[in-house]
Protein backbone atom coordinates (compact mmCIF):
# COMPACT_ATOMS: atom_id res chain seq x y z
CA MET A 1 -12.20 -13.64 12.04
CA THR A 2 -13.44 -11.30 14.83
CA GLU A 3 -15.90 -8.43 14.42
CA THR A 4 -13.13 -5.94 15.25
CA SER A 5 -10.95 -7.46 12.54
CA LYS A 6 -13.80 -7.27 10.03
CA LEU A 7 -14.49 -3.63 10.90
CA LYS A 8 -10.80 -2.83 10.44
CA GLY A 9 -10.94 -4.55 7.06
CA TYR A 10 -14.06 -2.65 5.94
CA ILE A 11 -12.58 0.73 6.90
CA ALA A 12 -9.33 -0.14 5.13
CA GLY A 13 -11.28 -1.25 2.05
CA ILE A 14 -13.19 2.04 1.89
CA ILE A 15 -9.98 4.09 2.17
CA ALA A 16 -8.34 1.90 -0.50
CA ALA A 17 -11.25 2.36 -2.92
CA VAL A 18 -11.34 6.15 -2.63
CA ALA A 19 -7.54 6.42 -2.88
CA TYR A 20 -7.35 4.08 -5.90
CA GLY A 21 -10.11 6.05 -7.60
CA THR A 22 -7.75 9.05 -7.85
CA ASN A 23 -5.62 7.18 -10.43
CA PRO A 24 -7.06 9.09 -13.43
CA LEU A 25 -6.39 12.47 -11.79
CA GLY A 26 -2.62 11.98 -11.61
CA ALA A 27 -2.34 9.97 -14.82
CA LEU A 28 -4.14 12.48 -17.04
CA PHE A 29 -2.20 15.45 -15.70
CA LEU A 30 1.05 13.58 -16.33
CA TYR A 31 -0.10 12.74 -19.87
CA GLN A 32 -0.55 16.49 -20.39
CA GLU A 33 3.11 16.84 -19.38
CA GLY A 34 4.01 14.51 -22.27
CA PHE A 35 4.49 11.22 -20.40
CA ASN A 36 3.64 7.85 -21.91
CA PRO A 37 1.84 5.21 -19.74
CA PRO A 38 4.95 3.09 -18.89
CA SER A 39 6.80 6.22 -17.69
CA VAL A 40 3.93 7.24 -15.40
CA ILE A 41 3.67 3.77 -13.90
CA PHE A 42 7.43 3.27 -13.56
CA TYR A 43 7.90 6.53 -11.66
CA ARG A 44 4.74 5.84 -9.63
CA PHE A 45 6.07 2.48 -8.43
CA THR A 46 9.70 3.56 -8.05
CA PHE A 47 8.88 6.63 -5.95
CA ALA A 48 6.54 4.48 -3.84
CA VAL A 49 9.34 1.95 -3.25
CA VAL A 50 11.73 4.70 -2.10
CA ILE A 51 9.15 6.19 0.29
CA LEU A 52 8.22 2.76 1.66
CA ALA A 53 11.89 1.84 2.14
CA ILE A 54 12.37 4.97 4.26
CA ILE A 55 9.28 4.09 6.32
CA LEU A 56 10.54 0.54 6.91
CA LEU A 57 13.99 1.81 7.93
CA VAL A 58 12.47 4.30 10.38
CA GLN A 59 10.23 1.58 11.83
CA LYS A 60 13.24 -0.80 11.90
CA VAL A 61 11.33 -3.49 10.02
CA PRO A 62 13.66 -6.20 8.65
CA PHE A 63 13.65 -6.58 4.86
CA LYS A 64 14.29 -10.35 4.93
CA ILE A 65 11.64 -12.60 3.33
CA THR A 66 11.34 -16.37 2.83
CA LYS A 67 11.46 -18.16 -0.52
CA TYR A 68 7.71 -18.75 -0.35
CA GLU A 69 7.06 -15.09 0.35
CA PHE A 70 9.38 -14.15 -2.53
CA LYS A 71 7.38 -16.28 -4.97
CA VAL A 72 4.02 -14.93 -3.80
CA LEU A 73 5.14 -11.28 -3.74
CA LEU A 74 6.73 -11.62 -7.18
CA SER A 75 3.46 -13.03 -8.54
CA LEU A 76 1.52 -10.16 -6.96
CA GLY A 77 3.98 -7.66 -8.44
CA VAL A 78 3.50 -9.10 -11.93
CA LEU A 79 -0.29 -9.04 -11.56
CA PHE A 80 -0.40 -5.47 -10.28
CA ALA A 81 2.03 -4.25 -12.96
CA ALA A 82 -0.16 -5.82 -15.67
CA SER A 83 -3.31 -4.30 -14.14
CA ALA A 84 -1.79 -0.82 -13.84
CA LEU A 85 -0.26 -0.83 -17.33
CA SER A 86 -3.47 -1.91 -19.06
CA LEU A 87 -5.57 0.59 -17.04
CA TYR A 88 -3.26 3.56 -17.64
CA THR A 89 -3.01 2.71 -21.33
CA SER A 90 -6.82 2.59 -21.54
CA PHE A 91 -6.94 6.24 -20.40
CA LYS A 92 -5.52 7.06 -23.84
CA HIS A 93 -8.57 5.48 -25.50
CA LEU A 94 -11.47 6.02 -23.07
CA ASP A 95 -12.90 8.70 -20.81
CA SER A 96 -11.26 8.10 -17.43
CA GLY A 97 -14.57 7.88 -15.59
CA VAL A 98 -15.91 5.27 -18.01
CA ALA A 99 -12.65 3.28 -17.87
CA SER A 100 -12.68 3.22 -14.07
CA THR A 101 -16.35 2.21 -14.06
CA ILE A 102 -15.75 -0.73 -16.40
CA LEU A 103 -12.84 -1.69 -14.12
CA PHE A 104 -15.40 -2.20 -11.38
CA ALA A 105 -16.38 -5.49 -13.00
CA TYR A 106 -13.57 -7.02 -10.92
CA PRO A 107 -15.72 -7.80 -7.82
CA VAL A 108 -17.91 -10.01 -9.99
CA MET A 109 -14.75 -11.59 -11.43
CA VAL A 110 -13.51 -12.25 -7.88
CA ALA A 111 -16.78 -14.01 -7.07
CA VAL A 112 -16.57 -16.10 -10.25
CA ILE A 113 -12.95 -17.10 -9.58
CA MET A 114 -13.84 -18.14 -6.03
CA ALA A 115 -16.76 -20.19 -7.35
CA VAL A 116 -14.86 -21.92 -10.17
CA PHE A 117 -11.49 -22.57 -8.54
CA PHE A 118 -12.35 -22.70 -4.84
CA LYS A 119 -15.77 -24.34 -5.09
CA GLU A 120 -17.79 -21.48 -3.66
CA ARG A 121 -21.33 -22.18 -4.83
CA ALA A 122 -22.57 -19.90 -7.64
CA SER A 123 -26.17 -18.90 -6.82
CA MET A 124 -28.83 -17.37 -9.03
CA VAL A 125 -27.99 -14.02 -7.43
CA MET A 126 -24.39 -14.45 -8.59
CA ILE A 127 -25.50 -15.25 -12.15
CA LEU A 128 -27.86 -12.26 -12.18
CA SER A 129 -25.01 -10.05 -10.97
CA ILE A 130 -22.83 -11.17 -13.86
CA VAL A 131 -25.62 -10.50 -16.39
CA LEU A 132 -26.26 -7.00 -15.01
CA SER A 133 -22.56 -6.13 -15.08
CA ILE A 134 -22.25 -7.27 -18.71
CA ILE A 135 -25.28 -5.18 -19.74
CA GLY A 136 -23.82 -2.20 -17.87
CA ILE A 137 -20.49 -2.56 -19.67
CA LEU A 138 -22.27 -2.76 -23.05
CA LEU A 139 -24.15 0.46 -22.24
CA LEU A 140 -20.88 2.16 -21.41
CA TYR A 141 -19.30 0.90 -24.62
CA GLN A 142 -22.04 2.23 -26.89
CA GLY A 143 -21.76 5.80 -25.63
CA ASP A 144 -24.18 8.51 -26.79
CA GLY A 145 -24.72 9.62 -30.35
CA GLU A 146 -22.86 8.14 -33.31
CA ALA A 147 -19.38 8.00 -31.76
CA LYS A 148 -18.45 4.74 -30.03
CA MET A 149 -15.70 4.19 -27.54
CA SER A 150 -12.55 2.36 -28.51
CA LEU A 151 -12.95 -1.41 -28.44
CA TRP A 152 -9.24 -1.69 -27.68
CA GLY A 153 -9.74 0.61 -24.69
CA VAL A 154 -12.55 -1.58 -23.34
CA ILE A 155 -10.41 -4.72 -23.78
CA LEU A 156 -7.53 -3.07 -21.89
CA VAL A 157 -9.79 -2.18 -18.96
CA LEU A 158 -11.21 -5.71 -18.82
CA ILE A 159 -7.64 -7.10 -18.75
CA SER A 160 -6.87 -4.69 -15.91
CA SER A 161 -10.02 -5.78 -14.09
CA LEU A 162 -9.20 -9.48 -14.44
CA THR A 163 -5.60 -9.17 -13.24
CA TYR A 164 -6.76 -7.01 -10.32
CA ALA A 165 -9.34 -9.66 -9.40
CA VAL A 166 -6.69 -12.40 -9.49
CA TYR A 167 -4.45 -10.18 -7.33
CA ILE A 168 -7.19 -9.91 -4.67
CA VAL A 169 -7.79 -13.66 -4.68
CA VAL A 170 -4.07 -14.47 -4.38
CA VAL A 171 -3.64 -12.09 -1.42
CA ASN A 172 -6.65 -13.68 0.27
CA ARG A 173 -5.69 -17.32 -0.34
CA THR A 174 -1.98 -17.05 0.50
CA GLN A 175 -2.51 -15.10 3.75
CA ILE A 176 1.07 -13.82 3.99
CA SER A 177 1.87 -12.65 7.51
CA MET A 178 4.04 -9.52 7.38
CA PRO A 179 3.71 -5.78 8.12
CA PRO A 180 1.45 -4.08 5.51
CA PHE A 181 4.10 -1.53 4.43
CA LYS A 182 6.65 -4.30 3.93
CA MET A 183 4.23 -6.30 1.79
CA THR A 184 3.41 -3.23 -0.32
CA PHE A 185 7.13 -2.41 -0.62
CA TYR A 186 8.00 -5.74 -2.23
CA ILE A 187 4.94 -5.81 -4.49
CA MET A 188 5.74 -2.31 -5.77
CA MET A 189 9.44 -3.16 -6.18
CA PHE A 190 8.70 -6.21 -8.33
CA ALA A 191 6.05 -4.26 -10.26
CA ALA A 192 8.56 -1.46 -11.00
CA ILE A 193 11.09 -4.02 -12.28
CA ILE A 194 8.46 -5.59 -14.56
CA ILE A 195 7.50 -2.19 -16.00
CA GLY A 196 11.17 -1.32 -16.50
CA ILE A 197 11.72 -4.53 -18.49
CA TYR A 198 8.55 -3.86 -20.50
CA SER A 199 9.62 -0.32 -21.37
CA PHE A 200 13.02 -1.56 -22.55
CA CYS A 201 11.59 -4.34 -24.74
CA VAL A 202 8.53 -2.65 -26.30
CA PRO A 203 9.18 0.06 -28.95
CA GLY A 204 7.84 3.50 -28.06
CA SER A 205 7.61 2.67 -24.36
CA ARG A 206 10.98 3.94 -23.10
CA ILE A 207 11.05 5.67 -19.72
CA MET A 208 11.04 9.45 -20.23
CA PRO A 209 12.89 12.00 -18.06
CA ILE A 210 10.83 14.10 -15.64
CA PRO A 211 10.30 17.40 -17.53
CA SER A 212 9.21 19.76 -14.75
CA TRP A 213 8.60 20.28 -11.04
CA THR A 214 4.88 20.10 -11.76
CA ALA A 215 5.32 16.60 -13.18
CA PHE A 216 7.46 15.69 -10.16
CA GLY A 217 4.64 16.80 -7.87
CA TRP A 218 2.06 14.69 -9.69
CA ILE A 219 4.41 11.69 -9.62
CA CYS A 220 4.66 12.06 -5.85
CA MET A 221 0.85 12.22 -5.71
CA VAL A 222 0.32 8.98 -7.68
CA ALA A 223 3.09 7.29 -5.68
CA ILE A 224 1.46 8.15 -2.35
CA VAL A 225 -2.34 8.21 -2.78
CA PRO A 226 -3.36 5.53 -5.35
CA THR A 227 -0.25 3.44 -4.63
CA ILE A 228 1.09 3.43 -1.06
CA ILE A 229 -2.20 4.34 0.64
CA ALA A 230 -4.46 2.37 -1.70
CA MET A 231 -2.35 -0.80 -1.86
CA THR A 232 -1.54 -0.92 1.85
CA MET A 233 -5.20 -0.43 2.78
CA LEU A 234 -6.30 -2.93 0.13
CA ASN A 235 -4.02 -5.64 1.54
CA ILE A 236 -5.23 -4.89 5.09
CA GLY A 237 -8.84 -5.06 3.89
CA ILE A 238 -8.40 -8.39 2.10
CA LEU A 239 -6.60 -10.04 5.02
CA ASN A 240 -9.12 -8.81 7.63
CA ALA A 241 -12.47 -8.72 5.82
CA GLY A 242 -11.95 -11.19 2.96
CA SER A 243 -11.58 -10.88 -0.80
CA THR A 244 -15.23 -10.51 -1.86
CA PRO A 245 -16.27 -7.87 0.75
CA THR A 246 -13.16 -5.81 0.01
CA ALA A 247 -13.84 -6.04 -3.72
CA ILE A 248 -17.44 -4.95 -3.14
CA LEU A 249 -16.27 -1.86 -1.24
CA GLY A 250 -14.46 -0.93 -4.45
CA ALA A 251 -17.79 0.57 -5.55
CA LEU A 252 -16.33 3.86 -4.37
CA GLU A 253 -13.60 3.64 -7.04
CA PRO A 254 -15.75 4.41 -10.11
CA VAL A 255 -17.73 6.97 -8.12
CA THR A 256 -14.49 8.78 -7.27
CA ALA A 257 -13.16 8.48 -10.81
CA VAL A 258 -16.38 9.71 -12.44
CA CYS A 259 -16.51 12.70 -10.07
CA ILE A 260 -12.92 13.57 -11.01
CA SER A 261 -13.67 13.14 -14.72
CA VAL A 262 -16.76 15.40 -14.59
CA LEU A 263 -15.48 18.06 -12.19
CA VAL A 264 -11.83 18.31 -13.30
CA PHE A 265 -11.70 17.16 -16.92
CA ASP A 266 -15.20 18.20 -18.06
CA GLY A 267 -16.12 14.61 -18.83
CA LEU A 268 -19.61 13.81 -20.13
CA PHE A 269 -22.18 12.52 -17.64
CA THR A 270 -24.90 11.26 -19.95
CA PRO A 271 -28.07 9.28 -19.19
CA ARG A 272 -26.62 6.19 -20.88
CA LEU A 273 -23.50 6.44 -18.71
CA VAL A 274 -25.69 6.77 -15.62
CA CYS A 275 -27.60 3.61 -16.59
CA GLY A 276 -24.38 1.69 -17.14
CA ILE A 277 -22.98 2.76 -13.77
CA VAL A 278 -26.22 1.89 -11.98
CA LEU A 279 -26.36 -1.60 -13.52
CA ILE A 280 -22.74 -2.38 -12.66
CA LEU A 281 -23.16 -1.17 -9.08
CA ALA A 282 -26.46 -3.08 -8.80
CA ALA A 283 -24.66 -6.26 -9.88
CA VAL A 284 -22.28 -6.00 -6.95
CA LEU A 285 -24.91 -4.78 -4.47
CA LEU A 286 -26.83 -7.99 -5.19
CA ILE A 287 -23.82 -9.89 -3.87
CA VAL A 288 -23.85 -7.70 -0.74
CA VAL A 289 -27.55 -8.45 -0.15
CA LYS A 290 -26.90 -12.16 -0.64
CA ARG A 291 -24.14 -12.10 1.98
């Protein structure tokens, strides 16, 4: 892996983190339009697939894939669909900034997965990082005053974090060689199919019609920024810089989400929340220092 390749991966990882951090912005506005989480995600993925298909046709990129690539891309689609569904559902139970900050536990999860399943040695720094992230999450859960956040919301975000971590590891270990837009196209296509099946099978999750041009505009936003841009850049980052460095760069995700929550949705920015954010970010920065 050359220095130029690593630099390309780092830049892509930064862009991916900032773009993915805009998820709450589009999701919450669409909830105000009356959408349920499966509808938001289904339209997000479907619109992204249509846009990516047009890009691939213009670039004259062949759509053909091998059986191995089909299996890997299907697995990635399932993982990303599960991560998106649990995260978007958590926005119904938690402040979006807090939810996106808890989600940032995934870099530590990536490091743990690499240590347990791929024999990367777990150092004292790694263990300390895990402890700090857990304390940070507990601080976020307690909130300020008497009101506590939803336990179900916290569980949903942790599920989203875990599936996202597994997604990053799978992309890194399989090392599929194909154009980034093509890879994102198939992952989003399989993810959209999974969400469609989910909405049909689970009561109260049916796909809703688009009610207004405003909703259409926000759907286009979530299809382009936290989906096409974020996922394409994420895959480029993982393949060029590695899974752990790309996950670490995700520190910009909760920062972006918290800024959106405070500036746009009048979210609370309390001392306890600040402490939780600092501890979670410190947990990952320890990994950076170790590297």
